Amino acid sequence: MKFFKNPDKVAGILFLVSVLPVLLAWIVLLLVGNTSNLPLMSFALDQISYIFSEGNPTRLWFLWFSALPLICTTLGVGYLFGAANNRKLAMAMLAIGISLAGVSFVLCDWTIAVFVTVPTFWSFRCVLRI
């Protein structure tokens, strides 16, 4: 139970765990459904080139969906390495986490949004602790 007395460690691990459902969605998107019998890497590169092409009407959503794991990883690593010990930085990280959660509920499936939202509770506890 000593682990739960460190809200920054819990928030960091939960932000890193929230990357997993997004990465699984990317794996399914890029590696499943190859009906053209192309080599796997060629198929994945074709998928990526279409996803981020100007002709794709959902390109902005995919840009967000590719930035989401990067932001969550950055927050997770920041919490694990003690960035939340500084009050201003802890409040900035909390604001980023709340914004990330809100945008995730608007743009993503609720299951992914819940994974992104749960660490904000522990982020709030980091701000209260200081």
C-alpha atoms as a PDB file:
ATOM      1  CA  MET A   1       0.000   0.000   0.000  1.00  0.00           C
ATOM      2  CA  LYS A   2       3.019   2.267   0.223  1.00  0.00           C
ATOM      3  CA  PHE A   3       2.834   2.569  -3.553  1.00  0.00           C
ATOM      4  CA  PHE A   4      -0.491   4.440  -3.342  1.00  0.00           C
ATOM      5  CA  LYS A   5       1.081   7.055  -1.069  1.00  0.00           C
ATOM      6  CA  ASN A   6       3.045   8.329  -4.076  1.00  0.00           C
ATOM      7  CA  PRO A   7       0.395   9.822  -6.371  1.00  0.00           C
ATOM      8  CA  ASP A   8       3.009  10.918  -8.897  1.00  0.00           C
ATOM      9  CA  LYS A   9       4.149   7.319  -9.423  1.00  0.00           C
ATOM     10  CA  VAL A  10       0.567   6.095  -9.752  1.00  0.00           C
ATOM     11  CA  ALA A  11      -0.275   8.873 -12.222  1.00  0.00           C
ATOM     12  CA  GLY A  12       2.853   8.101 -14.230  1.00  0.00           C
ATOM     13  CA  ILE A  13       2.104   4.407 -14.494  1.00  0.00           C
ATOM     14  CA  LEU A  14      -1.552   5.040 -15.341  1.00  0.00           C
ATOM     15  CA  PHE A  15      -0.599   7.495 -18.098  1.00  0.00           C
ATOM     16  CA  LEU A  16       1.742   4.859 -19.531  1.00  0.00           C
ATOM     17  CA  VAL A  17      -0.981   2.208 -19.294  1.00  0.00           C
ATOM     18  CA  SER A  18      -3.380   4.515 -21.148  1.00  0.00           C
ATOM     19  CA  VAL A  19      -1.094   4.256 -24.170  1.00  0.00           C
ATOM     20  CA  LEU A  20      -1.841   0.538 -24.566  1.00  0.00           C
ATOM     21  CA  PRO A  21      -5.407   0.698 -25.974  1.00  0.00           C
ATOM     22  CA  VAL A  22      -4.362   3.335 -28.497  1.00  0.00           C
ATOM     23  CA  LEU A  23      -1.366   1.282 -29.599  1.00  0.00           C
ATOM     24  CA  LEU A  24      -3.558  -1.802 -29.923  1.00  0.00           C
ATOM     25  CA  ALA A  25      -5.953   0.164 -32.129  1.00  0.00           C
ATOM     26  CA  TRP A  26      -3.027   1.266 -34.331  1.00  0.00           C
ATOM     27  CA  ILE A  27      -1.776  -2.334 -34.578  1.00  0.00           C
ATOM     28  CA  VAL A  28      -5.198  -3.536 -35.680  1.00  0.00           C
ATOM     29  CA  LEU A  29      -5.521  -0.682 -38.144  1.00  0.00           C
ATOM     30  CA  LEU A  30      -2.124  -1.203 -39.724  1.00  0.00           C
ATOM     31  CA  LEU A  31      -1.645  -4.962 -39.588  1.00  0.00           C
ATOM     32  CA  VAL A  32      -5.097  -6.546 -39.892  1.00  0.00           C
ATOM     33  CA  GLY A  33      -7.258  -6.733 -42.991  1.00  0.00           C
ATOM     34  CA  ASN A  34      -4.635  -7.276 -45.666  1.00  0.00           C
ATOM     35  CA  THR A  35      -6.871  -8.597 -48.435  1.00  0.00           C
ATOM     36  CA  SER A  36      -4.531  -7.605 -51.260  1.00  0.00           C
ATOM     37  CA  ASN A  37      -1.864 -10.210 -50.321  1.00  0.00           C
ATOM     38  CA  LEU A  38       0.813  -7.522 -50.048  1.00  0.00           C
ATOM     39  CA  PRO A  39       3.750  -8.021 -47.711  1.00  0.00           C
ATOM     40  CA  LEU A  40       2.859  -6.873 -44.215  1.00  0.00           C
ATOM     41  CA  MET A  41       5.166  -3.837 -44.108  1.00  0.00           C
ATOM     42  CA  SER A  42       4.109  -2.731 -47.565  1.00  0.00           C
ATOM     43  CA  PHE A  43       0.458  -2.945 -46.549  1.00  0.00           C
ATOM     44  CA  ALA A  44       1.133  -0.990 -43.325  1.00  0.00           C
ATOM     45  CA  LEU A  45       3.004   1.735 -45.226  1.00  0.00           C
ATOM     46  CA  ASP A  46       0.138   1.980 -47.745  1.00  0.00           C
ATOM     47  CA  GLN A  47      -2.297   2.350 -44.855  1.00  0.00           C
ATOM     48  CA  ILE A  48      -0.196   5.087 -43.246  1.00  0.00           C
ATOM     49  CA  SER A  49       0.201   6.957 -46.518  1.00  0.00           C
ATOM     50  CA  TYR A  50      -3.569   6.958 -47.037  1.00  0.00           C
ATOM     51  CA  ILE A  51      -4.389   7.793 -43.410  1.00  0.00           C
ATOM     52  CA  PHE A  52      -2.264  10.946 -43.452  1.00  0.00           C
ATOM     53  CA  SER A  53      -2.961  11.944 -47.054  1.00  0.00           C
ATOM     54  CA  GLU A  54      -4.812  15.123 -47.967  1.00  0.00           C
ATOM     55  CA  GLY A  55      -7.582  13.071 -49.584  1.00  0.00           C
ATOM     56  CA  ASN A  56      -8.582  11.417 -46.313  1.00  0.00           C
ATOM     57  CA  PRO A  57     -11.444  13.396 -44.733  1.00  0.00           C
ATOM     58  CA  THR A  58     -10.608  12.027 -41.259  1.00  0.00           C
ATOM     59  CA  ARG A  59      -6.921  12.956 -41.416  1.00  0.00           C
ATOM     60  CA  LEU A  60      -7.135  15.398 -38.489  1.00  0.00           C
ATOM     61  CA  TRP A  61      -8.686  12.734 -36.280  1.00  0.00           C
ATOM     62  CA  PHE A  62      -5.830  10.361 -37.120  1.00  0.00           C
ATOM     63  CA  LEU A  63      -3.305  13.107 -36.346  1.00  0.00           C
ATOM     64  CA  TRP A  64      -4.925  13.418 -32.922  1.00  0.00           C
ATOM     65  CA  PHE A  65      -4.971   9.648 -32.501  1.00  0.00           C
ATOM     66  CA  SER A  66      -1.253   9.491 -33.274  1.00  0.00           C
ATOM     67  CA  ALA A  67      -0.424  12.377 -30.907  1.00  0.00           C
ATOM     68  CA  LEU A  68      -2.431  10.899 -28.015  1.00  0.00           C
ATOM     69  CA  PRO A  69       0.070   8.141 -27.088  1.00  0.00           C
ATOM     70  CA  LEU A  70       2.979  10.564 -27.404  1.00  0.00           C
ATOM     71  CA  ILE A  71       1.378  13.052 -25.011  1.00  0.00           C
ATOM     72  CA  CYS A  72       0.386  10.318 -22.545  1.00  0.00           C
ATOM     73  CA  THR A  73       3.899   8.855 -22.634  1.00  0.00           C
ATOM     74  CA  THR A  74       5.430  12.275 -22.023  1.00  0.00           C
ATOM     75  CA  LEU A  75       3.128  12.896 -19.055  1.00  0.00           C
ATOM     76  CA  GLY A  76       3.764   9.416 -17.667  1.00  0.00           C
ATOM     77  CA  VAL A  77       7.527   9.782 -17.858  1.00  0.00           C
ATOM     78  CA  GLY A  78       7.288  13.249 -16.344  1.00  0.00           C
ATOM     79  CA  TYR A  79       5.344  11.972 -13.361  1.00  0.00           C
ATOM     80  CA  LEU A  80       7.637   8.985 -12.871  1.00  0.00           C
ATOM     81  CA  PHE A  81      10.771  11.141 -12.877  1.00  0.00           C
ATOM     82  CA  GLY A  82       9.454  13.631 -10.324  1.00  0.00           C
ATOM     83  CA  ALA A  83       8.399  16.561 -12.478  1.00  0.00           C
ATOM     84  CA  ALA A  84       5.285  16.899 -10.310  1.00  0.00           C
ATOM     85  CA  ASN A  85       7.376  17.922  -7.303  1.00  0.00           C
ATOM     86  CA  ASN A  86       7.365  21.473  -8.661  1.00  0.00           C
ATOM     87  CA  ARG A  87       3.960  23.080  -7.993  1.00  0.00           C
ATOM     88  CA  LYS A  88       3.756  25.070 -11.244  1.00  0.00           C
ATOM     89  CA  LEU A  89       4.807  22.089 -13.310  1.00  0.00           C
ATOM     90  CA  ALA A  90       2.367  19.831 -11.459  1.00  0.00           C
ATOM     91  CA  MET A  91      -0.474  22.267 -12.184  1.00  0.00           C
ATOM     92  CA  ALA A  92       0.536  22.504 -15.845  1.00  0.00           C
ATOM     93  CA  MET A  93       0.633  18.715 -16.126  1.00  0.00           C
ATOM     94  CA  LEU A  94      -2.793  18.515 -14.463  1.00  0.00           C
ATOM     95  CA  ALA A  95      -4.172  21.065 -16.945  1.00  0.00           C
ATOM     96  CA  ILE A  96      -2.722  19.069 -19.855  1.00  0.00           C
ATOM     97  CA  GLY A  97      -4.229  15.872 -18.428  1.00  0.00           C
ATOM     98  CA  ILE A  98      -7.670  17.444 -18.017  1.00  0.00           C
ATOM     99  CA  SER A  99      -7.529  18.858 -21.545  1.00  0.00           C
ATOM    100  CA  LEU A 100      -6.411  15.502 -22.877  1.00  0.00           C
ATOM    101  CA  ALA A 101      -9.282  13.772 -21.094  1.00  0.00           C
ATOM    102  CA  GLY A 102     -11.862  16.243 -22.391  1.00  0.00           C
ATOM    103  CA  VAL A 103     -10.690  16.034 -25.980  1.00  0.00           C
ATOM    104  CA  SER A 104     -10.529  12.241 -25.734  1.00  0.00           C
ATOM    105  CA  PHE A 105     -14.168  12.065 -24.651  1.00  0.00           C
ATOM    106  CA  VAL A 106     -15.137  14.226 -27.614  1.00  0.00           C
ATOM    107  CA  LEU A 107     -13.017  12.554 -30.279  1.00  0.00           C
ATOM    108  CA  CYS A 108     -12.447   8.967 -29.151  1.00  0.00           C
ATOM    109  CA  ASP A 109     -14.411   5.981 -28.032  1.00  0.00           C
ATOM    110  CA  TRP A 110     -15.413   6.168 -24.366  1.00  0.00           C
ATOM    111  CA  THR A 111     -13.199   3.209 -23.429  1.00  0.00           C
ATOM    112  CA  ILE A 112     -10.044   4.973 -24.606  1.00  0.00           C
ATOM    113  CA  ALA A 113     -11.243   8.207 -23.027  1.00  0.00           C
ATOM    114  CA  VAL A 114     -11.663   6.494 -19.642  1.00  0.00           C
ATOM    115  CA  PHE A 115      -8.102   5.155 -19.830  1.00  0.00           C
ATOM    116  CA  VAL A 116      -6.880   8.712 -20.458  1.00  0.00           C
ATOM    117  CA  THR A 117      -9.102  10.246 -17.758  1.00  0.00           C
ATOM    118  CA  VAL A 118      -8.278   8.009 -14.781  1.00  0.00           C
ATOM    119  CA  PRO A 119      -4.718   9.351 -14.263  1.00  0.00           C
ATOM    120  CA  THR A 120      -6.053  12.904 -13.810  1.00  0.00           C
ATOM    121  CA  PHE A 121      -7.409  11.941 -10.377  1.00  0.00           C
ATOM    122  CA  TRP A 122      -3.879  11.067  -9.289  1.00  0.00           C
ATOM    123  CA  SER A 123      -2.543  14.181 -11.022  1.00  0.00           C
ATOM    124  CA  PHE A 124      -4.932  16.235  -8.894  1.00  0.00           C
ATOM    125  CA  ARG A 125      -3.625  14.479  -5.798  1.00  0.00           C
ATOM    126  CA  CYS A 126      -0.094  15.498  -6.820  1.00  0.00           C
ATOM    127  CA  VAL A 127      -1.156  19.153  -6.886  1.00  0.00           C
ATOM    128  CA  LEU A 128      -2.868  18.845  -3.482  1.00  0.00           C
ATOM    129  CA  ARG A 129       0.175  17.169  -1.954  1.00  0.00           C
ATOM    130  CA  ILE A 130       2.541  20.058  -2.716  1.00  0.00           C
END
